[in-house]
Amino acid sequence: MTLFPFENSYASLPERFYARLPPSRVSKPELIKINLDLAVDLGLNPDKLTSEFAVEVLAGNRVPDNSEPIALAYAGHQFGGWVPSLGDGRALLLGELRNKAGRLCDLQLKGSGPTPFSRNGDGRAWLGPVLREYIVSEAIHFLGIPSTRTLSAVSTGEKVFREQTYPGGILTRVARSHIRVGTFQYFYAREDYEALKLLTDYLIERNYPELKDSENHLLALLEKIVAGQAKLIAKWMSVGFIHGVMNTDNTSLSCETIDFGPCAFMDRYMATKVFSSIDLNGRYAYSNQPIIAHWNLAQFATTLIPLLPMDEEQAVKILTQAINKFPALYLDYWISIFGQKLGLQNPANEDFEFISEFLKIMEEAQADFTLSFRVLSTIPADDLTLTHFEPFANSPELILEWIPTWTARLGREKESEQNRLRLMQRVNPAYIPRNHQIEKAIVEGVDGKFERFNTMVEILKTPYTHQPGYEEFEKTPDEDEVVAKTFCGT
């Protein structure tokens, strides 16, 4: 049996969907890490993935006989500005593997060299973004949020120049598919409606086969994606995750988190928090994420207009109704998730103000987002004192003053205190990939030291469980450790 039993369904689409080319070779590939659990789920032999042949494949130096490497074509709105041709400028889809559940999963190299879509870029990745994506994508997955994942990280033995010279790296990304809003926009902008029809049929067959027999499968597809994006963004919000570049070309139509560039998790809560160094106007700030998701869905819906069997006015009306279900769906998911984070097992719309009040108090207290919820889920309500909040809040007394309001609301719940704490710990993580710890892992990794990187990956596999000896990774950063800006790496 071949080591990588690739299928190539996307490569069977017409040539205008992609560019065929091999990855560029690197001088001295060395394996940093293999995701053994993911490898097993993909039907790969984890022992053989450390072989010279496998590392050569994961570095782009060899292409298996059954692989058809392609760079995918897409367009997109980047920070609201339309770019008619983007595409994979530093990535190649090697093919698809079937996981244990029988679903196809893309295997894509990132940092594999220039493509026809590189726009004068070098097509490479430096080691920092490779380590960041490995840590964060796996953390998102184990937090229970749909996400692309990382199979491997490899150093290339070559230098990559950004603001300065860095060691190069290549990451292998696994996704349910790489079809984006921008993929549909690419063909819509070219009035290539035949391609739009092929792409729609492929997306349904690949990711939503249950919709094939729907009376109006296009409308059913849109409604499915609207609901999937609403749930995804609500889950991001519940862990303080800020994507950083929610462009339409970074919006996956399989409704999973994709493209971990200047992403970050909040430390101290701030509704308008921005990390990305290129988001100068706060378009993709934490509080804007649901608004932007709704806007991106409108761009996707626009591409479906020519495929509907009716006049344009009627098509726009129907599609608008579908995407305008997003705000209510998002609010339902948001209330449900945040209600559970505060110990409410059946939160209702009336709890919106209650939850919002706590967030406002957290912001005024300059309290750590993750630790605020975690303390509430580990200490009995009657035992909470100022000392529990002092390590991570500048004005801890504001939270303590709110506790009687919280306990009064908890009084309407039927769960015992012990069971409430147990349930809250399931949704309030002890560990997130803290920005300052990621930065330390990157700095050490550039020097060839990967102990912190490996430790973080392992700890984040069980983020809801306290792990003795790793308290360093729970703590909010000291003032001199705070990461104010994150960078894309391209």
Protein backbone atom coordinates (compact mmCIF):
# COMPACT_ATOMS: atom_id res chain seq x y z
CA MET A 1 0.00 0.00 0.00
CA THR A 2 1.29 3.45 -0.92
CA LEU A 3 2.26 5.73 1.96
CA PHE A 4 -0.03 8.54 0.73
CA PRO A 5 -3.15 7.02 -0.90
CA PHE A 6 -4.18 10.26 -2.60
CA GLU A 7 -7.36 10.90 -4.49
CA ASN A 8 -7.48 13.93 -6.77
CA SER A 9 -11.13 14.94 -7.13
CA TYR A 10 -10.52 18.70 -7.30
CA ALA A 11 -7.83 18.19 -9.92
CA SER A 12 -10.47 16.45 -12.06
CA LEU A 13 -12.30 19.77 -12.44
CA PRO A 14 -11.46 21.89 -15.53
CA GLU A 15 -8.00 23.44 -15.78
CA ARG A 16 -9.28 26.99 -15.12
CA PHE A 17 -9.94 26.01 -11.50
CA TYR A 18 -6.22 25.78 -10.69
CA ALA A 19 -2.65 25.78 -11.96
CA ARG A 20 -0.70 22.52 -12.19
CA LEU A 21 2.89 22.64 -11.00
CA PRO A 22 5.24 20.79 -8.65
CA PRO A 23 6.46 22.28 -5.38
CA SER A 24 9.87 23.95 -5.38
CA ARG A 25 12.68 21.94 -3.86
CA VAL A 26 14.42 22.96 -0.64
CA SER A 27 18.02 22.34 0.31
CA LYS A 28 17.94 20.57 3.66
CA PRO A 29 14.50 19.50 4.95
CA GLU A 30 14.29 18.39 8.56
CA LEU A 31 11.18 17.18 10.34
CA ILE A 32 10.11 19.28 13.33
CA LYS A 33 6.88 17.51 14.21
CA ILE A 34 4.36 14.96 12.93
CA ASN A 35 0.78 15.03 14.22
CA LEU A 36 0.51 11.32 15.01
CA ASP A 37 -3.16 11.28 16.02
CA LEU A 38 -4.20 13.12 12.88
CA ALA A 39 -2.02 10.83 10.76
CA VAL A 40 -3.83 7.75 12.12
CA ASP A 41 -7.22 9.35 11.45
CA LEU A 42 -6.15 9.96 7.85
CA GLY A 43 -5.19 6.32 7.40
CA LEU A 44 -1.47 7.07 7.32
CA ASN A 45 1.23 5.00 8.96
CA PRO A 46 2.72 7.35 11.60
CA ASP A 47 5.93 5.33 11.83
CA LYS A 48 6.62 5.73 8.11
CA LEU A 49 5.91 9.46 8.18
CA THR A 50 9.30 10.03 9.78
CA SER A 51 11.08 8.21 6.93
CA GLU A 52 13.33 10.09 4.53
CA PHE A 53 10.82 9.62 1.70
CA ALA A 54 7.91 10.99 3.75
CA VAL A 55 9.88 14.04 4.91
CA GLU A 56 10.89 14.72 1.32
CA VAL A 57 7.19 14.67 0.35
CA LEU A 58 6.19 16.93 3.26
CA ALA A 59 8.98 19.34 2.29
CA GLY A 60 7.97 19.39 -1.37
CA ASN A 61 11.12 17.68 -2.66
CA ARG A 62 9.25 14.63 -3.90
CA VAL A 63 5.83 14.21 -5.42
CA PRO A 64 4.22 10.78 -4.97
CA ASP A 65 3.15 9.09 -8.18
CA ASN A 66 -0.54 9.38 -7.28
CA SER A 67 -0.37 13.09 -6.40
CA GLU A 68 -1.42 15.86 -8.78
CA PRO A 69 -0.15 19.09 -7.18
CA ILE A 70 -2.27 22.15 -7.92
CA ALA A 71 -2.49 25.77 -6.79
CA LEU A 72 -6.16 26.74 -6.48
CA ALA A 73 -7.63 29.81 -8.15
CA TYR A 74 -9.79 32.24 -6.20
CA ALA A 75 -10.51 35.94 -5.80
CA GLY A 76 -11.66 37.91 -2.77
CA HIS A 77 -12.43 41.05 -0.86
CA GLN A 78 -9.38 41.94 1.21
CA PHE A 79 -10.23 44.45 3.95
CA GLY A 80 -13.28 45.31 1.86
CA GLY A 81 -11.32 45.98 -1.33
CA TRP A 82 -12.01 43.77 -4.35
CA VAL A 83 -9.11 41.74 -5.79
CA PRO A 84 -10.23 39.76 -8.87
CA SER A 85 -7.36 37.26 -8.85
CA LEU A 86 -5.63 35.90 -5.75
CA GLY A 87 -5.19 32.13 -5.58
CA ASP A 88 -2.67 29.97 -3.75
CA GLY A 89 0.46 32.04 -3.89
CA ARG A 90 2.52 29.85 -1.57
CA ALA A 91 0.52 26.64 -1.28
CA LEU A 92 -0.10 23.48 -3.27
CA LEU A 93 -2.84 20.90 -2.85
CA LEU A 94 -1.13 17.50 -3.10
CA GLY A 95 -4.40 15.58 -3.12
CA GLU A 96 -7.09 14.21 -0.84
CA LEU A 97 -7.07 11.44 1.76
CA ARG A 98 -10.04 9.65 3.29
CA ASN A 99 -10.25 9.76 7.06
CA LYS A 100 -11.66 7.01 9.26
CA ALA A 101 -15.17 8.37 8.78
CA GLY A 102 -14.78 8.04 5.01
CA ARG A 103 -14.68 11.80 4.35
CA LEU A 104 -12.22 13.31 1.92
CA CYS A 105 -9.67 15.67 3.47
CA ASP A 106 -7.32 17.94 1.52
CA LEU A 107 -3.58 17.69 2.12
CA GLN A 108 -1.93 21.00 1.26
CA LEU A 109 1.66 22.21 1.55
CA LYS A 110 2.09 25.83 2.73
CA GLY A 111 5.36 27.54 1.93
CA SER A 112 6.11 25.25 -1.03
CA GLY A 113 7.35 27.94 -3.41
CA PRO A 114 6.01 30.38 -6.01
CA THR A 115 2.96 29.69 -8.16
CA PRO A 116 1.28 31.63 -10.98
CA PHE A 117 -0.75 33.33 -8.21
CA SER A 118 2.24 34.54 -6.16
CA ARG A 119 2.11 38.15 -7.43
CA ASN A 120 5.91 38.54 -7.23
CA GLY A 121 6.06 36.85 -3.82
CA ASP A 122 8.62 34.17 -3.01
CA GLY A 123 5.99 31.55 -2.20
CA ARG A 124 7.80 30.60 0.97
CA ALA A 125 6.96 30.66 4.66
CA TRP A 126 9.30 31.42 7.50
CA LEU A 127 9.34 29.24 10.57
CA GLY A 128 7.36 31.60 12.84
CA PRO A 129 3.99 31.42 11.01
CA VAL A 130 4.46 27.65 10.58
CA LEU A 131 4.82 27.13 14.33
CA ARG A 132 1.99 29.59 15.06
CA GLU A 133 -0.44 27.82 12.72
CA TYR A 134 0.48 24.40 14.10
CA ILE A 135 -0.16 25.54 17.68
CA VAL A 136 -3.29 27.58 17.05
CA SER A 137 -5.04 25.32 14.54
CA GLU A 138 -4.63 22.32 16.82
CA ALA A 139 -5.73 24.36 19.85
CA ILE A 140 -8.88 25.50 18.02
CA HIS A 141 -9.63 21.87 17.12
CA PHE A 142 -9.28 20.62 20.68
CA LEU A 143 -11.37 23.50 21.98
CA GLY A 144 -14.16 21.87 19.98
CA ILE A 145 -14.27 24.41 17.17
CA PRO A 146 -14.25 23.34 13.49
CA SER A 147 -10.81 24.02 12.07
CA THR A 148 -8.25 23.05 9.51
CA ARG A 149 -5.49 21.08 11.19
CA THR A 150 -1.76 20.56 10.81
CA LEU A 151 -0.19 17.23 9.90
CA SER A 152 3.46 18.30 9.93
CA ALA A 153 5.99 21.07 10.31
CA VAL A 154 9.30 20.90 8.47
CA SER A 155 12.29 23.24 8.42
CA THR A 156 13.79 23.78 4.97
CA GLY A 157 17.45 24.61 5.69
CA GLU A 158 16.96 27.81 3.69
CA LYS A 159 16.52 31.47 4.61
CA VAL A 160 13.41 33.53 3.99
CA PHE A 161 13.54 37.32 3.93
CA ARG A 162 10.71 39.35 5.41
CA GLU A 163 11.73 42.43 7.43
CA GLN A 164 14.87 40.44 8.14
CA THR A 165 16.22 36.97 7.42
CA TYR A 166 14.49 34.00 9.05
CA PRO A 167 14.74 30.20 8.76
CA GLY A 168 12.26 28.74 6.29
CA GLY A 169 9.54 26.22 7.06
CA ILE A 170 6.75 24.26 5.39
CA LEU A 171 3.48 23.28 6.99
CA THR A 172 1.11 20.54 5.84
CA ARG A 173 -2.50 21.66 6.29
CA VAL A 174 -5.48 19.32 6.41
CA ALA A 175 -8.93 20.67 5.53
CA ARG A 176 -12.40 19.36 4.78
CA SER A 177 -11.92 21.33 1.56
CA HIS A 178 -10.25 24.55 0.45
CA ILE A 179 -13.29 26.03 -1.28
CA ARG A 180 -13.80 29.60 -0.14
CA VAL A 181 -16.26 32.41 -0.73
CA GLY A 182 -13.49 33.80 -2.91
CA THR A 183 -13.50 30.66 -5.07
CA PHE A 184 -17.09 31.39 -6.09
CA GLN A 185 -16.30 35.08 -6.52
CA TYR A 186 -13.47 34.22 -8.93
CA PHE A 187 -15.84 32.63 -11.43
CA TYR A 188 -18.76 35.00 -10.79
CA ALA A 189 -16.53 37.99 -11.64
CA ARG A 190 -15.63 36.29 -14.94
CA GLU A 191 -19.28 35.47 -15.67
CA ASP A 192 -18.22 31.84 -15.91
CA TYR A 193 -21.55 30.40 -14.85
CA GLU A 194 -20.67 26.93 -16.09
CA ALA A 195 -17.77 26.88 -13.62
CA LEU A 196 -20.06 28.17 -10.85
CA LYS A 197 -22.45 25.28 -11.50
CA LEU A 198 -19.59 22.74 -11.47
CA LEU A 199 -18.19 24.28 -8.28
CA THR A 200 -21.59 24.19 -6.56
CA ASP A 201 -22.15 20.56 -7.48
CA TYR A 202 -18.65 19.69 -6.28
CA LEU A 203 -19.08 21.51 -2.96
CA ILE A 204 -22.37 19.75 -2.26
CA GLU A 205 -20.99 16.34 -3.23
CA ARG A 206 -17.84 16.91 -1.19
CA ASN A 207 -19.07 18.64 1.96
CA TYR A 208 -22.89 18.56 1.99
CA PRO A 209 -24.04 15.33 0.28
CA GLU A 210 -27.20 15.32 2.40
CA LEU A 211 -28.42 18.30 0.32
CA LYS A 212 -28.34 16.55 -3.06
CA ASP A 213 -32.01 15.60 -2.91
CA SER A 214 -33.22 18.98 -1.63
CA GLU A 215 -36.00 20.63 -3.59
CA ASN A 216 -33.81 23.72 -4.03
CA HIS A 217 -30.30 22.54 -3.30
CA LEU A 218 -28.76 25.97 -3.92
CA LEU A 219 -30.93 27.62 -1.31
CA ALA A 220 -30.41 24.67 1.04
CA LEU A 221 -26.64 25.02 0.57
CA LEU A 222 -26.72 28.72 1.42
CA GLU A 223 -28.87 28.15 4.50
CA LYS A 224 -26.53 25.37 5.66
CA ILE A 225 -23.49 27.62 5.30
CA VAL A 226 -25.25 30.56 6.99
CA ALA A 227 -26.00 28.36 10.02
CA GLY A 228 -22.49 26.85 9.99
CA GLN A 229 -20.81 30.25 9.92
CA ALA A 230 -23.10 31.59 12.68
CA LYS A 231 -22.14 28.71 14.95
CA LEU A 232 -18.44 28.95 14.05
CA ILE A 233 -18.19 32.67 14.82
CA ALA A 234 -20.12 32.29 18.09
CA LYS A 235 -17.59 29.64 19.14
CA TRP A 236 -14.69 31.92 18.22
CA MET A 237 -16.21 34.64 20.36
CA SER A 238 -16.68 32.26 23.30
CA VAL A 239 -12.93 31.66 23.62
CA GLY A 240 -11.78 35.19 22.79
CA PHE A 241 -10.36 34.22 19.40
CA ILE A 242 -9.65 36.98 16.89
CA HIS A 243 -9.02 35.72 13.36
CA GLY A 244 -7.42 38.92 12.13
CA VAL A 245 -8.03 38.64 8.36
CA MET A 246 -11.65 37.65 7.69
CA ASN A 247 -11.34 38.36 3.97
CA THR A 248 -13.72 36.47 1.70
CA ASP A 249 -10.78 34.41 0.43
CA ASN A 250 -10.22 33.30 4.05
CA THR A 251 -13.86 32.29 4.56
CA SER A 252 -14.19 28.53 4.21
CA LEU A 253 -17.44 27.16 2.79
CA SER A 254 -16.94 23.98 4.79
CA CYS A 255 -17.42 26.29 7.79
CA GLU A 256 -14.12 25.60 9.49
CA THR A 257 -11.47 28.01 10.73
CA ILE A 258 -8.86 28.55 8.04
CA ASP A 259 -5.79 30.73 7.41
CA PHE A 260 -4.04 31.45 10.70
CA GLY A 261 -2.10 34.59 9.89
CA PRO A 262 -2.14 37.41 12.48
CA CYS A 263 -4.69 35.55 14.60
CA ALA A 264 -4.61 35.76 18.41
CA PHE A 265 -6.52 34.98 21.58
CA MET A 266 -7.38 37.91 23.82
CA ASP A 267 -5.79 38.22 27.22
CA ARG A 268 -7.53 41.17 28.90
CA TYR A 269 -11.04 41.55 27.53
CA MET A 270 -11.71 44.42 25.14
CA ALA A 271 -14.68 44.28 22.77
CA THR A 272 -12.87 46.27 20.08
CA LYS A 273 -9.56 44.43 20.41
CA VAL A 274 -7.40 44.20 17.28
CA PHE A 275 -4.07 42.38 16.99
CA SER A 276 -3.30 42.32 13.28
CA SER A 277 -0.63 44.83 12.30
CA ILE A 278 -2.34 45.38 8.93
CA ASP A 279 -5.86 45.94 10.29
CA LEU A 280 -5.34 49.66 10.71
CA ASN A 281 -9.05 50.56 10.93
CA GLY A 282 -10.22 47.68 13.11
CA ARG A 283 -12.36 46.10 10.40
CA TYR A 284 -11.74 42.63 11.86
CA ALA A 285 -11.81 43.57 15.54
CA TYR A 286 -13.22 41.01 17.99
CA SER A 287 -16.67 42.62 18.18
CA ASN A 288 -16.88 43.04 14.39
CA GLN A 289 -16.41 39.35 13.58
CA PRO A 290 -20.13 38.44 13.39
CA ILE A 291 -20.84 41.57 11.30
CA ILE A 292 -18.07 40.69 8.86
CA ALA A 293 -19.21 37.06 8.63
CA HIS A 294 -22.69 38.29 7.65
CA TRP A 295 -21.14 40.60 5.04
CA ASN A 296 -19.00 37.78 3.62
CA LEU A 297 -22.08 35.57 3.34
CA ALA A 298 -23.77 38.29 1.31
CA GLN A 299 -20.84 38.17 -1.13
CA PHE A 300 -21.26 34.40 -1.42
CA ALA A 301 -25.02 34.72 -1.96
CA THR A 302 -24.39 37.20 -4.78
CA THR A 303 -22.45 34.55 -6.72
CA LEU A 304 -25.47 32.23 -6.65
CA ILE A 305 -27.83 34.69 -8.39
CA PRO A 306 -27.14 33.46 -11.96
CA LEU A 307 -27.64 29.83 -10.91
CA LEU A 308 -31.19 30.23 -9.63
CA PRO A 309 -34.00 29.42 -12.12
CA MET A 310 -35.76 32.79 -11.80
CA ASP A 311 -35.30 36.44 -12.66
CA GLU A 312 -32.62 38.40 -10.86
CA GLU A 313 -35.00 40.45 -8.69
CA GLN A 314 -36.70 37.36 -7.32
CA ALA A 315 -33.35 35.60 -6.82
CA VAL A 316 -31.96 38.55 -4.85
CA LYS A 317 -35.07 38.60 -2.66
CA ILE A 318 -34.84 34.88 -1.81
CA LEU A 319 -31.08 34.94 -1.22
CA THR A 320 -31.34 38.05 0.95
CA GLN A 321 -33.94 36.36 3.13
CA ALA A 322 -31.59 33.39 3.56
CA ILE A 323 -28.51 35.38 4.60
CA ASN A 324 -30.55 37.63 6.86
CA LYS A 325 -31.24 34.61 9.05
CA PHE A 326 -27.63 34.94 10.19
CA PRO A 327 -28.05 37.56 12.97
CA ALA A 328 -30.79 35.62 14.79
CA LEU A 329 -28.96 32.31 14.40
CA TYR A 330 -25.72 33.83 15.62
CA LEU A 331 -27.45 35.42 18.62
CA ASP A 332 -29.04 32.08 19.57
CA TYR A 333 -25.67 30.32 19.43
CA TRP A 334 -23.95 33.18 21.29
CA ILE A 335 -26.49 33.20 24.12
CA SER A 336 -26.37 29.43 24.38
CA ILE A 337 -22.57 29.24 24.55
CA PHE A 338 -22.01 32.24 26.83
CA GLY A 339 -24.91 31.20 29.01
CA GLN A 340 -23.28 27.82 29.54
CA LYS A 341 -19.98 29.55 30.31
CA LEU A 342 -21.80 31.31 33.15
CA GLY A 343 -23.48 28.14 34.43
CA LEU A 344 -26.87 28.56 32.74
CA GLN A 345 -27.92 25.25 31.25
CA ASN A 346 -30.94 26.62 29.40
CA PRO A 347 -30.20 30.28 28.71
CA ALA A 348 -32.92 32.31 27.00
CA ASN A 349 -33.01 35.55 25.02
CA GLU A 350 -33.72 37.41 28.25
CA ASP A 351 -30.21 36.43 29.41
CA PHE A 352 -28.58 38.54 26.69
CA GLU A 353 -28.43 41.62 28.93
CA PHE A 354 -27.18 39.57 31.87
CA ILE A 355 -24.31 38.09 29.83
CA SER A 356 -23.52 41.44 28.23
CA GLU A 357 -23.36 43.08 31.65
CA PHE A 358 -20.68 40.63 32.77
CA LEU A 359 -18.63 41.29 29.64
CA LYS A 360 -18.87 45.05 30.22
CA ILE A 361 -17.73 44.58 33.81
CA MET A 362 -14.84 42.41 32.65
CA GLU A 363 -13.79 45.12 30.22
CA GLU A 364 -14.05 47.87 32.84
CA ALA A 365 -12.09 45.73 35.29
CA GLN A 366 -9.46 45.04 32.58
CA ALA A 367 -9.78 41.38 33.42
CA ASP A 368 -8.38 38.41 31.56
CA PHE A 369 -11.11 36.84 29.40
CA THR A 370 -10.17 33.19 29.84
CA LEU A 371 -9.25 33.33 33.53
CA SER A 372 -12.39 35.25 34.51
CA PHE A 373 -14.61 32.47 33.25
CA ARG A 374 -12.28 29.76 34.51
CA VAL A 375 -12.29 31.06 38.08
CA LEU A 376 -16.11 31.17 38.07
CA SER A 377 -16.10 27.53 37.01
CA THR A 378 -13.60 26.24 39.59
CA ILE A 379 -14.45 28.12 42.82
CA PRO A 380 -17.86 27.77 44.54
CA ALA A 381 -19.74 31.05 44.17
CA ASP A 382 -19.99 31.70 47.92
CA ASP A 383 -16.23 31.23 48.35
CA LEU A 384 -15.16 33.80 45.75
CA THR A 385 -13.10 36.66 47.16
CA LEU A 386 -11.07 39.54 45.83
CA THR A 387 -7.90 37.44 45.90
CA HIS A 388 -9.31 35.11 43.22
CA PHE A 389 -9.50 37.95 40.69
CA GLU A 390 -6.51 40.10 41.68
CA PRO A 391 -3.90 38.13 39.63
CA PHE A 392 -5.59 38.94 36.33
CA ALA A 393 -7.80 42.04 36.80
CA ASN A 394 -6.80 45.65 37.38
CA SER A 395 -10.08 46.40 39.20
CA PRO A 396 -11.06 43.02 40.68
CA GLU A 397 -13.62 44.60 43.02
CA LEU A 398 -15.90 45.28 40.04
CA ILE A 399 -16.22 41.55 39.36
CA LEU A 400 -16.73 40.76 43.02
CA GLU A 401 -19.53 43.33 43.22
CA TRP A 402 -21.26 41.53 40.32
CA ILE A 403 -21.17 38.09 41.98
CA PRO A 404 -24.49 38.56 43.91
CA THR A 405 -26.23 39.32 40.58
CA TRP A 406 -24.76 36.12 39.17
CA THR A 407 -25.71 33.96 42.17
CA ALA A 408 -29.25 35.34 42.01
CA ARG A 409 -29.50 34.21 38.38
CA LEU A 410 -27.96 30.85 39.26
CA GLY A 411 -30.72 30.42 41.84
CA ARG A 412 -33.13 29.77 38.96
CA GLU A 413 -31.02 26.83 37.76
CA LYS A 414 -31.72 23.27 38.91
CA GLU A 415 -28.13 22.00 38.93
CA SER A 416 -26.26 21.46 42.20
CA GLU A 417 -23.20 23.63 42.82
CA GLN A 418 -20.89 20.67 42.27
CA ASN A 419 -22.53 19.71 38.99
CA ARG A 420 -22.65 23.34 37.82
CA LEU A 421 -18.90 23.67 38.32
CA ARG A 422 -18.29 20.41 36.47
CA LEU A 423 -20.41 21.53 33.51
CA MET A 424 -18.83 24.99 33.41
CA GLN A 425 -15.34 23.49 33.28
CA ARG A 426 -16.33 21.71 30.08
CA VAL A 427 -16.83 25.03 28.29
CA ASN A 428 -14.32 27.29 30.06
CA PRO A 429 -10.77 26.30 29.12
CA ALA A 430 -7.85 26.49 31.51
CA TYR A 431 -5.48 26.81 28.55
CA ILE A 432 -5.52 28.83 25.37
CA PRO A 433 -2.51 29.43 23.11
CA ARG A 434 -1.37 32.60 24.85
CA ASN A 435 0.25 35.10 22.49
CA HIS A 436 3.32 35.61 24.66
CA GLN A 437 3.89 31.87 24.92
CA ILE A 438 3.57 31.48 21.14
CA GLU A 439 6.12 34.26 20.67
CA LYS A 440 8.52 32.54 23.07
CA ALA A 441 8.04 29.25 21.19
CA ILE A 442 8.81 31.00 17.90
CA VAL A 443 11.93 32.77 19.22
CA GLU A 444 13.21 29.49 20.64
CA GLY A 445 12.25 27.62 17.45
CA VAL A 446 14.27 30.02 15.31
CA ASP A 447 17.24 28.94 17.44
CA GLY A 448 16.39 25.29 16.80
CA LYS A 449 14.83 24.69 20.23
CA PHE A 450 11.34 23.20 20.06
CA GLU A 451 10.67 22.12 23.65
CA ARG A 452 8.19 24.93 24.39
CA PHE A 453 6.49 24.41 21.02
CA ASN A 454 6.06 20.69 21.70
CA THR A 455 4.89 21.36 25.26
CA MET A 456 2.23 23.80 24.09
CA VAL A 457 0.93 21.40 21.46
CA GLU A 458 0.57 18.66 24.08
CA ILE A 459 -1.01 20.84 26.79
CA LEU A 460 -3.55 22.25 24.34
CA LYS A 461 -4.84 18.78 23.51
CA THR A 462 -6.75 18.86 26.82
CA PRO A 463 -7.50 22.56 27.28
CA TYR A 464 -10.40 22.10 29.70
CA THR A 465 -8.36 20.11 32.25
CA HIS A 466 -5.91 21.65 34.71
CA GLN A 467 -2.50 20.02 34.26
CA PRO A 468 -0.21 20.31 37.33
CA GLY A 469 3.22 21.67 36.57
CA TYR A 470 2.09 23.78 33.63
CA GLU A 471 0.66 26.78 35.47
CA GLU A 472 2.94 29.03 33.41
CA PHE A 473 0.74 28.36 30.39
CA GLU A 474 -2.47 29.32 32.22
CA LYS A 475 -1.29 32.73 33.42
CA THR A 476 -2.05 36.02 31.77
CA PRO A 477 1.15 37.74 30.56
CA ASP A 478 3.16 40.13 32.69
CA GLU A 479 3.19 43.70 31.40
CA ASP A 480 6.56 43.22 29.69
CA GLU A 481 5.30 40.05 27.97
CA VAL A 482 2.14 41.49 26.39
CA VAL A 483 1.96 40.98 22.61
CA ALA A 484 0.29 44.06 21.14
CA LYS A 485 0.55 43.20 17.45
CA THR A 486 0.62 40.05 15.36
CA PHE A 487 1.87 39.69 11.81
CA CYS A 488 0.78 37.76 8.73
CA GLY A 489 4.15 36.35 7.73
CA THR A 490 3.68 36.57 3.96
